[in-house]
PDB file of N, CA and C in Angstrom:
ATOM      1  N   LYS A   1       0.832  -1.192   0.000  1.00  0.00           N
ATOM      2  CA  LYS A   1       0.000   0.000   0.000  1.00  0.00           C
ATOM      3  C   LYS A   1       0.878   1.258   0.000  1.00  0.00           C
ATOM      4  N   ARG A   2       1.852   1.311   0.883  1.00  0.00           N
ATOM      5  CA  ARG A   2       2.743   2.477   0.939  1.00  0.00           C
ATOM      6  C   ARG A   2       3.620   2.558  -0.298  1.00  0.00           C
ATOM      7  N   ARG A   3       4.088   1.380  -0.744  1.00  0.00           N
ATOM      8  CA  ARG A   3       4.928   1.343  -1.940  1.00  0.00           C
ATOM      9  C   ARG A   3       4.162   1.914  -3.131  1.00  0.00           C
ATOM     10  N   ASN A   4       2.916   1.502  -3.280  1.00  0.00           N
ATOM     11  CA  ASN A   4       2.100   2.017  -4.385  1.00  0.00           C
ATOM     12  C   ASN A   4       1.907   3.524  -4.283  1.00  0.00           C
ATOM     13  N   GLY A   5       1.789   4.036  -3.063  1.00  0.00           N
ATOM     14  CA  GLY A   5       1.659   5.475  -2.866  1.00  0.00           C
ATOM     15  C   GLY A   5       2.906   6.223  -3.298  1.00  0.00           C
ATOM     16  N   ILE A   6       4.065   5.659  -2.988  1.00  0.00           N
ATOM     17  CA  ILE A   6       5.329   6.288  -3.384  1.00  0.00           C
ATOM     18  C   ILE A   6       5.466   6.283  -4.901  1.00  0.00           C
ATOM     19  N   PHE A   7       5.116   5.165  -5.529  1.00  0.00           N
ATOM     20  CA  PHE A   7       5.191   5.096  -6.987  1.00  0.00           C
ATOM     21  C   PHE A   7       4.190   6.056  -7.634  1.00  0.00           C
ATOM     22  N   LYS A   8       3.032   6.223  -7.015  1.00  0.00           N
ATOM     23  CA  LYS A   8       2.035   7.165  -7.523  1.00  0.00           C
ATOM     24  C   LYS A   8       2.589   8.587  -7.467  1.00  0.00           C
ATOM     25  N   LYS A   9       3.261   8.933  -6.355  1.00  0.00           N
ATOM     26  CA  LYS A   9       3.857  10.267  -6.224  1.00  0.00           C
ATOM     27  C   LYS A   9       4.963  10.472  -7.257  1.00  0.00           C
ATOM     28  N   ALA A  10       5.756   9.451  -7.510  1.00  0.00           N
ATOM     29  CA  ALA A  10       6.806   9.548  -8.529  1.00  0.00           C
ATOM     30  C   ALA A  10       6.179   9.822  -9.893  1.00  0.00           C
ATOM     31  N   HIS A  11       5.096   9.120 -10.195  1.00  0.00           N
ATOM     32  CA  HIS A  11       4.400   9.340 -11.466  1.00  0.00           C
ATOM     33  C   HIS A  11       3.828  10.757 -11.530  1.00  0.00           C
ATOM     34  N   GLU A  12       3.269  11.230 -10.421  1.00  0.00           N
ATOM     35  CA  GLU A  12       2.716  12.587 -10.386  1.00  0.00           C
ATOM     36  C   GLU A  12       3.800  13.628 -10.626  1.00  0.00           C
ATOM     37  N   LEU A  13       4.979  13.436 -10.044  1.00  0.00           N
ATOM     38  CA  LEU A  13       6.093  14.358 -10.287  1.00  0.00           C
ATOM     39  C   LEU A  13       6.463  14.379 -11.762  1.00  0.00           C
ATOM     40  N   THR A  14       6.457  13.202 -12.375  1.00  0.00           N
ATOM     41  CA  THR A  14       6.775  13.109 -13.794  1.00  0.00           C
ATOM     42  C   THR A  14       5.775  13.904 -14.625  1.00  0.00           C
ATOM     43  N   VAL A  15       4.503  13.739 -14.329  1.00  0.00           N
ATOM     44  CA  VAL A  15       3.448  14.370 -15.130  1.00  0.00           C
ATOM     45  C   VAL A  15       3.305  15.860 -14.812  1.00  0.00           C
ATOM     46  N   LEU A  16       3.169  16.191 -13.532  1.00  0.00           N
ATOM     47  CA  LEU A  16       2.861  17.567 -13.149  1.00  0.00           C
ATOM     48  C   LEU A  16       4.049  18.518 -13.266  1.00  0.00           C
ATOM     49  N   CYS A  17       5.250  18.021 -13.000  1.00  0.00           N
ATOM     50  CA  CYS A  17       6.431  18.885 -12.998  1.00  0.00           C
ATOM     51  C   CYS A  17       7.320  18.663 -14.211  1.00  0.00           C
ATOM     52  N   ASP A  18       6.910  17.788 -15.106  1.00  0.00           N
ATOM     53  CA  ASP A  18       7.713  17.429 -16.269  1.00  0.00           C
ATOM     54  C   ASP A  18       9.125  17.024 -15.826  1.00  0.00           C
ATOM     55  N   ALA A  19       9.186  16.267 -14.733  1.00  0.00           N
ATOM     56  CA  ALA A  19      10.462  15.832 -14.165  1.00  0.00           C
ATOM     57  C   ALA A  19      10.808  14.434 -14.652  1.00  0.00           C
ATOM     58  N   LYS A  20      12.088  14.164 -14.698  1.00  0.00           N
ATOM     59  CA  LYS A  20      12.558  12.815 -14.993  1.00  0.00           C
ATOM     60  C   LYS A  20      12.843  12.151 -13.655  1.00  0.00           C
ATOM     61  N   VAL A  21      12.118  11.094 -13.359  1.00  0.00           N
ATOM     62  CA  VAL A  21      12.182  10.459 -12.045  1.00  0.00           C
ATOM     63  C   VAL A  21      12.614   9.012 -12.190  1.00  0.00           C
ATOM     64  N   SER A  22      13.534   8.620 -11.334  1.00  0.00           N
ATOM     65  CA  SER A  22      13.938   7.220 -11.231  1.00  0.00           C
ATOM     66  C   SER A  22      13.860   6.844  -9.761  1.00  0.00           C
ATOM     67  N   LEU A  23      13.117   5.792  -9.475  1.00  0.00           N
ATOM     68  CA  LEU A  23      12.934   5.337  -8.104  1.00  0.00           C
ATOM     69  C   LEU A  23      13.279   3.862  -8.047  1.00  0.00           C
ATOM     70  N   ILE A  24      14.220   3.518  -7.196  1.00  0.00           N
ATOM     71  CA  ILE A  24      14.633   2.126  -7.016  1.00  0.00           C
ATOM     72  C   ILE A  24      14.390   1.775  -5.560  1.00  0.00           C
ATOM     73  N   MET A  25      13.722   0.658  -5.339  1.00  0.00           N
ATOM     74  CA  MET A  25      13.363   0.276  -3.982  1.00  0.00           C
ATOM     75  C   MET A  25      13.587  -1.224  -3.790  1.00  0.00           C
ATOM     76  N   PHE A  26      14.198  -1.573  -2.663  1.00  0.00           N
ATOM     77  CA  PHE A  26      14.369  -2.970  -2.275  1.00  0.00           C
ATOM     78  C   PHE A  26      13.640  -3.185  -0.958  1.00  0.00           C
ATOM     79  N   SER A  27      12.819  -4.206  -0.899  1.00  0.00           N
ATOM     80  CA  SER A  27      12.108  -4.507   0.341  1.00  0.00           C
ATOM     81  C   SER A  27      13.034  -5.281   1.275  1.00  0.00           C
ATOM     82  N   ASN A  28      12.614  -5.463   2.516  1.00  0.00           N
ATOM     83  CA  ASN A  28      13.404  -6.234   3.480  1.00  0.00           C
ATOM     84  C   ASN A  28      13.605  -7.674   3.034  1.00  0.00           C
ATOM     85  N   THR A  29      12.679  -8.176   2.242  1.00  0.00           N
ATOM     86  CA  THR A  29      12.792  -9.555   1.752  1.00  0.00           C
ATOM     87  C   THR A  29      13.639  -9.646   0.491  1.00  0.00           C
ATOM     88  N   GLY A  30      14.117  -8.505  -0.005  1.00  0.00           N
ATOM     89  CA  GLY A  30      14.984  -8.500  -1.178  1.00  0.00           C
ATOM     90  C   GLY A  30      14.265  -8.302  -2.496  1.00  0.00           C
ATOM     91  N   LYS A  31      12.961  -8.075  -2.443  1.00  0.00           N
ATOM     92  CA  LYS A  31      12.227  -7.832  -3.685  1.00  0.00           C
ATOM     93  C   LYS A  31      12.612  -6.465  -4.243  1.00  0.00           C
ATOM     94  N   PHE A  32      12.755  -6.427  -5.550  1.00  0.00           N
ATOM     95  CA  PHE A  32      13.183  -5.229  -6.260  1.00  0.00           C
ATOM     96  C   PHE A  32      11.983  -4.578  -6.940  1.00  0.00           C
ATOM     97  N   HIS A  33      11.860  -3.265  -6.769  1.00  0.00           N
ATOM     98  CA  HIS A  33      10.795  -2.498  -7.416  1.00  0.00           C
ATOM     99  C   HIS A  33      11.418  -1.221  -7.964  1.00  0.00           C
ATOM    100  N   GLU A  34      10.974  -0.813  -9.149  1.00  0.00           N
ATOM    101  CA  GLU A  34      11.510   0.427  -9.701  1.00  0.00           C
ATOM    102  C   GLU A  34      10.450   1.173 -10.497  1.00  0.00           C
ATOM    103  N   TYR A  35      10.657   2.484 -10.577  1.00  0.00           N
ATOM    104  CA  TYR A  35       9.838   3.339 -11.429  1.00  0.00           C
ATOM    105  C   TYR A  35      10.804   4.214 -12.201  1.00  0.00           C
ATOM    106  N   ILE A  36      10.574   4.343 -13.482  1.00  0.00           N
ATOM    107  CA  ILE A  36      11.367   5.238 -14.313  1.00  0.00           C
ATOM    108  C   ILE A  36      10.395   6.028 -15.182  1.00  0.00           C
ATOM    109  N   SER A  37      10.608   7.323 -15.287  1.00  0.00           N
ATOM    110  CA  SER A  37       9.738   8.151 -16.119  1.00  0.00           C
ATOM    111  C   SER A  37       9.716   7.610 -17.544  1.00  0.00           C
ATOM    112  N   PRO A  38       8.556   7.606 -18.169  1.00  0.00           N
ATOM    113  CA  PRO A  38       8.454   7.077 -19.534  1.00  0.00           C
ATOM    114  C   PRO A  38       9.320   7.823 -20.544  1.00  0.00           C
ATOM    115  N   SER A  39       9.640   9.078 -20.259  1.00  0.00           N
ATOM    116  CA  SER A  39      10.396   9.890 -21.214  1.00  0.00           C
ATOM    117  C   SER A  39      11.902   9.680 -21.135  1.00  0.00           C
ATOM    118  N   THR A  40      12.368   8.771 -20.293  1.00  0.00           N
ATOM    119  CA  THR A  40      13.808   8.588 -20.134  1.00  0.00           C
ATOM    120  C   THR A  40      14.130   7.118 -19.902  1.00  0.00           C
ATOM    121  N   THR A  41      15.426   6.840 -19.713  1.00  0.00           N
ATOM    122  CA  THR A  41      15.880   5.484 -19.398  1.00  0.00           C
ATOM    123  C   THR A  41      16.724   5.542 -18.132  1.00  0.00           C
ATOM    124  N   THR A  42      16.939   4.393 -17.546  1.00  0.00           N
ATOM    125  CA  THR A  42      17.770   4.327 -16.345  1.00  0.00           C
ATOM    126  C   THR A  42      19.174   4.837 -16.646  1.00  0.00           C
ATOM    127  N   LYS A  43      19.730   4.452 -17.788  1.00  0.00           N
ATOM    128  CA  LYS A  43      21.079   4.892 -18.157  1.00  0.00           C
ATOM    129  C   LYS A  43      21.144   6.412 -18.278  1.00  0.00           C
ATOM    130  N   LYS A  44      20.149   7.016 -18.898  1.00  0.00           N
ATOM    131  CA  LYS A  44      20.137   8.474 -19.036  1.00  0.00           C
ATOM    132  C   LYS A  44      20.083   9.156 -17.669  1.00  0.00           C
ATOM    133  N   ILE A  45      19.297   8.601 -16.758  1.00  0.00           N
ATOM    134  CA  ILE A  45      19.210   9.164 -15.404  1.00  0.00           C
ATOM    135  C   ILE A  45      20.571   9.097 -14.715  1.00  0.00           C
ATOM    136  N   TYR A  46      21.238   7.928 -14.779  1.00  0.00           N
ATOM    137  CA  TYR A  46      22.557   7.789 -14.157  1.00  0.00           C
ATOM    138  C   TYR A  46      23.570   8.726 -14.801  1.00  0.00           C
ATOM    139  N   ASP A  47      23.524   8.858 -16.116  1.00  0.00           N
ATOM    140  CA  ASP A  47      24.443   9.763 -16.802  1.00  0.00           C
ATOM    141  C   ASP A  47      24.216  11.207 -16.371  1.00  0.00           C
ATOM    142  N   MET A  48      22.951  11.621 -16.254  1.00  0.00           N
ATOM    143  CA  MET A  48      22.648  12.981 -15.795  1.00  0.00           C
ATOM    144  C   MET A  48      23.132  13.182 -14.361  1.00  0.00           C
ATOM    145  N   TYR A  49      22.953  12.182 -13.526  1.00  0.00           N
ATOM    146  CA  TYR A  49      23.390  12.236 -12.129  1.00  0.00           C
ATOM    147  C   TYR A  49      24.904  12.430 -12.053  1.00  0.00           C
ATOM    148  N   GLN A  50      25.629  11.633 -12.828  1.00  0.00           N
ATOM    149  CA  GLN A  50      27.091  11.738 -12.829  1.00  0.00           C
ATOM    150  C   GLN A  50      27.555  13.087 -13.361  1.00  0.00           C
ATOM    151  N   THR A  51      26.928  13.569 -14.424  1.00  0.00           N
ATOM    152  CA  THR A  51      27.296  14.852 -15.006  1.00  0.00           C
ATOM    153  C   THR A  51      27.042  15.986 -14.019  1.00  0.00           C
ATOM    154  N   THR A  52      25.916  15.941 -13.346  1.00  0.00           N
ATOM    155  CA  THR A  52      25.567  16.976 -12.376  1.00  0.00           C
ATOM    156  C   THR A  52      26.562  17.000 -11.221  1.00  0.00           C
ATOM    157  N   LEU A  53      26.940  15.812 -10.740  1.00  0.00           N
ATOM    158  CA  LEU A  53      27.888  15.735  -9.628  1.00  0.00           C
ATOM    159  C   LEU A  53      29.322  15.975 -10.067  1.00  0.00           C
ATOM    160  N   GLY A  54      29.592  15.778 -11.349  1.00  0.00           N
ATOM    161  CA  GLY A  54      30.966  15.853 -11.831  1.00  0.00           C
ATOM    162  C   GLY A  54      31.778  14.688 -11.312  1.00  0.00           C
ATOM    163  N   PHE A  55      31.130  13.549 -11.198  1.00  0.00           N
ATOM    164  CA  PHE A  55      31.738  12.387 -10.562  1.00  0.00           C
ATOM    165  C   PHE A  55      31.341  11.152 -11.352  1.00  0.00           C
ATOM    166  N   ASP A  56      32.312  10.334 -11.711  1.00  0.00           N
ATOM    167  CA  ASP A  56      32.033   9.113 -12.462  1.00  0.00           C
ATOM    168  C   ASP A  56      31.938   7.940 -11.496  1.00  0.00           C
ATOM    169  N   LEU A  57      30.740   7.425 -11.310  1.00  0.00           N
ATOM    170  CA  LEU A  57      30.512   6.330 -10.364  1.00  0.00           C
ATOM    171  C   LEU A  57      31.316   5.092 -10.726  1.00  0.00           C
ATOM    172  N   TRP A  58      31.402   4.784 -11.994  1.00  0.00           N
ATOM    173  CA  TRP A  58      32.047   3.543 -12.423  1.00  0.00           C
ATOM    174  C   TRP A  58      33.564   3.628 -12.297  1.00  0.00           C
ATOM    175  N   THR A  59      34.154   4.792 -12.547  1.00  0.00           N
ATOM    176  CA  THR A  59      35.604   4.927 -12.438  1.00  0.00           C
ATOM    177  C   THR A  59      36.063   4.720 -11.003  1.00  0.00           C
ATOM    178  N   SER A  60      35.390   5.324 -10.050  1.00  0.00           N
ATOM    179  CA  SER A  60      35.797   5.161  -8.653  1.00  0.00           C
ATOM    180  C   SER A  60      35.621   3.712  -8.209  1.00  0.00           C
ATOM    181  N   HIS A  61      34.564   3.062  -8.660  1.00  0.00           N
ATOM    182  CA  HIS A  61      34.347   1.646  -8.330  1.00  0.00           C
ATOM    183  C   HIS A  61      35.459   0.795  -8.946  1.00  0.00           C
ATOM    184  N   TYR A  62      35.821   1.083 -10.180  1.00  0.00           N
ATOM    185  CA  TYR A  62      36.887   0.354 -10.863  1.00  0.00           C
ATOM    186  C   TYR A  62      38.215   0.541 -10.134  1.00  0.00           C
ATOM    187  N   GLU A  63      38.496   1.760  -9.695  1.00  0.00           N
ATOM    188  CA  GLU A  63      39.745   2.028  -8.977  1.00  0.00           C
ATOM    189  C   GLU A  63      39.805   1.250  -7.668  1.00  0.00           C
ATOM    190  N   ARG A  64      38.696   1.187  -6.934  1.00  0.00           N
ATOM    191  CA  ARG A  64      38.663   0.409  -5.688  1.00  0.00           C
ATOM    192  C   ARG A  64      38.882  -1.072  -5.967  1.00  0.00           C
ATOM    193  N   MET A  65      38.256  -1.571  -7.015  1.00  0.00           N
ATOM    194  CA  MET A  65      38.422  -2.988  -7.369  1.00  0.00           C
ATOM    195  C   MET A  65      39.863  -3.282  -7.775  1.00  0.00           C
ATOM    196  N   THR A  66      40.480  -2.374  -8.513  1.00  0.00           N
ATOM    197  CA  THR A  66      41.870  -2.545  -8.928  1.00  0.00           C
ATOM    198  C   THR A  66      42.789  -2.579  -7.717  1.00  0.00           C
ATOM    199  N   GLU A  67      42.566  -1.693  -6.761  1.00  0.00           N
ATOM    200  CA  GLU A  67      43.375  -1.657  -5.543  1.00  0.00           C
ATOM    201  C   GLU A  67      43.200  -2.938  -4.737  1.00  0.00           C
ATOM    202  N   THR A  68      41.976  -3.424  -4.626  1.00  0.00           N
ATOM    203  CA  THR A  68      41.710  -4.678  -3.915  1.00  0.00           C
ATOM    204  C   THR A  68      42.420  -5.835  -4.596  1.00  0.00           C
ATOM    205  N   MET A  69      42.351  -5.876  -5.924  1.00  0.00           N
ATOM    206  CA  MET A  69      43.009  -6.946  -6.668  1.00  0.00           C
ATOM    207  C   MET A  69      44.527  -6.897  -6.468  1.00  0.00           C
ATOM    208  N   LYS A  70      45.093  -5.711  -6.450  1.00  0.00           N
ATOM    209  CA  LYS A  70      46.535  -5.552  -6.237  1.00  0.00           C
ATOM    210  C   LYS A  70      46.934  -6.108  -4.869  1.00  0.00           C
ATOM    211  N   LYS A  71      46.161  -5.778  -3.832  1.00  0.00           N
ATOM    212  CA  LYS A  71      46.452  -6.277  -2.488  1.00  0.00           C
ATOM    213  C   LYS A  71      46.326  -7.792  -2.419  1.00  0.00           C
ATOM    214  N   LEU A  72      45.306  -8.340  -3.071  1.00  0.00           N
ATOM    215  CA  LEU A  72      45.127  -9.795  -3.075  1.00  0.00           C
ATOM    216  C   LEU A  72      46.262 -10.504  -3.803  1.00  0.00           C
ATOM    217  N   LYS A  73      46.732  -9.928  -4.897  1.00  0.00           N
ATOM    218  CA  LYS A  73      47.859 -10.524  -5.624  1.00  0.00           C
ATOM    219  C   LYS A  73      49.120 -10.517  -4.768  1.00  0.00           C
ATOM    220  N   GLU A  74      49.352  -9.403  -4.065  1.00  0.00           N
ATOM    221  CA  GLU A  74      50.519  -9.323  -3.183  1.00  0.00           C
ATOM    222  C   GLU A  74      50.437 -10.373  -2.087  1.00  0.00           C
ATOM    223  N   SER A  75      49.264 -10.517  -1.497  1.00  0.00           N
ATOM    224  CA  SER A  75      49.063 -11.518  -0.455  1.00  0.00           C
ATOM    225  C   SER A  75      49.255 -12.922  -1.005  1.00  0.00           C
ATOM    226  N   ASN A  76      48.738 -13.168  -2.188  1.00  0.00           N
ATOM    227  CA  ASN A  76      48.878 -14.468  -2.834  1.00  0.00           C
ATOM    228  C   ASN A  76      50.347 -14.790  -3.097  1.00  0.00           C
ATOM    229  N   ASN A  77      51.093 -13.826  -3.622  1.00  0.00           N
ATOM    230  CA  ASN A  77      52.521 -14.036  -3.890  1.00  0.00           C
ATOM    231  C   ASN A  77      53.289 -14.307  -2.600  1.00  0.00           C
ATOM    232  N   LYS A  78      52.960 -13.593  -1.544  1.00  0.00           N
ATOM    233  CA  LYS A  78      53.619 -13.790  -0.250  1.00  0.00           C
ATOM    234  C   LYS A  78      53.357 -15.203   0.270  1.00  0.00           C
ATOM    235  N   LEU A  79      52.110 -15.650   0.180  1.00  0.00           N
ATOM    236  CA  LEU A  79      51.764 -16.998   0.634  1.00  0.00           C
ATOM    237  C   LEU A  79      52.445 -18.071  -0.213  1.00  0.00           C
ATOM    238  N   ARG A  80      52.579 -17.838  -1.496  1.00  0.00           N
ATOM    239  CA  ARG A  80      53.258 -18.812  -2.367  1.00  0.00           C
ATOM    240  C   ARG A  80      54.733 -18.950  -1.986  1.00  0.00           C
ATOM    241  N   ARG A  81      55.363 -17.829  -1.641  1.00  0.00           N
ATOM    242  CA  ARG A  81      56.772 -17.882  -1.239  1.00  0.00           C
ATOM    243  C   ARG A  81      56.947 -18.657   0.061  1.00  0.00           C
ATOM    244  N   GLU A  82      55.951 -18.535   0.959  1.00  0.00           N
ATOM    245  CA  GLU A  82      56.026 -19.247   2.233  1.00  0.00           C
ATOM    246  C   GLU A  82      55.880 -20.753   2.048  1.00  0.00           C
ATOM    247  N   ILE A  83      55.155 -21.158   1.031  1.00  0.00           N
ATOM    248  CA  ILE A  83      54.953 -22.597   0.781  1.00  0.00           C
ATOM    249  C   ILE A  83      56.199 -23.114   0.155  1.00  0.00           C
TER     250      ILE A  83
END
């Protein structure tokens, strides 16, 4: 009931304010629900978000993953030398 109300408000924002709205919701049980304005796509919303912030979400995630991989390789090499 509440979820439907939130999605209704998202739709109203889209229609009344000519806004591009993306709503992503996960329930406690892990169910996924989303609303995206008909005039846009999820990718366009994320691109606008990144442009507005001046921040690339994927680059920072990639850098963290690269650093983690580097540390794991170092640990792996150290353990191999010990064996």
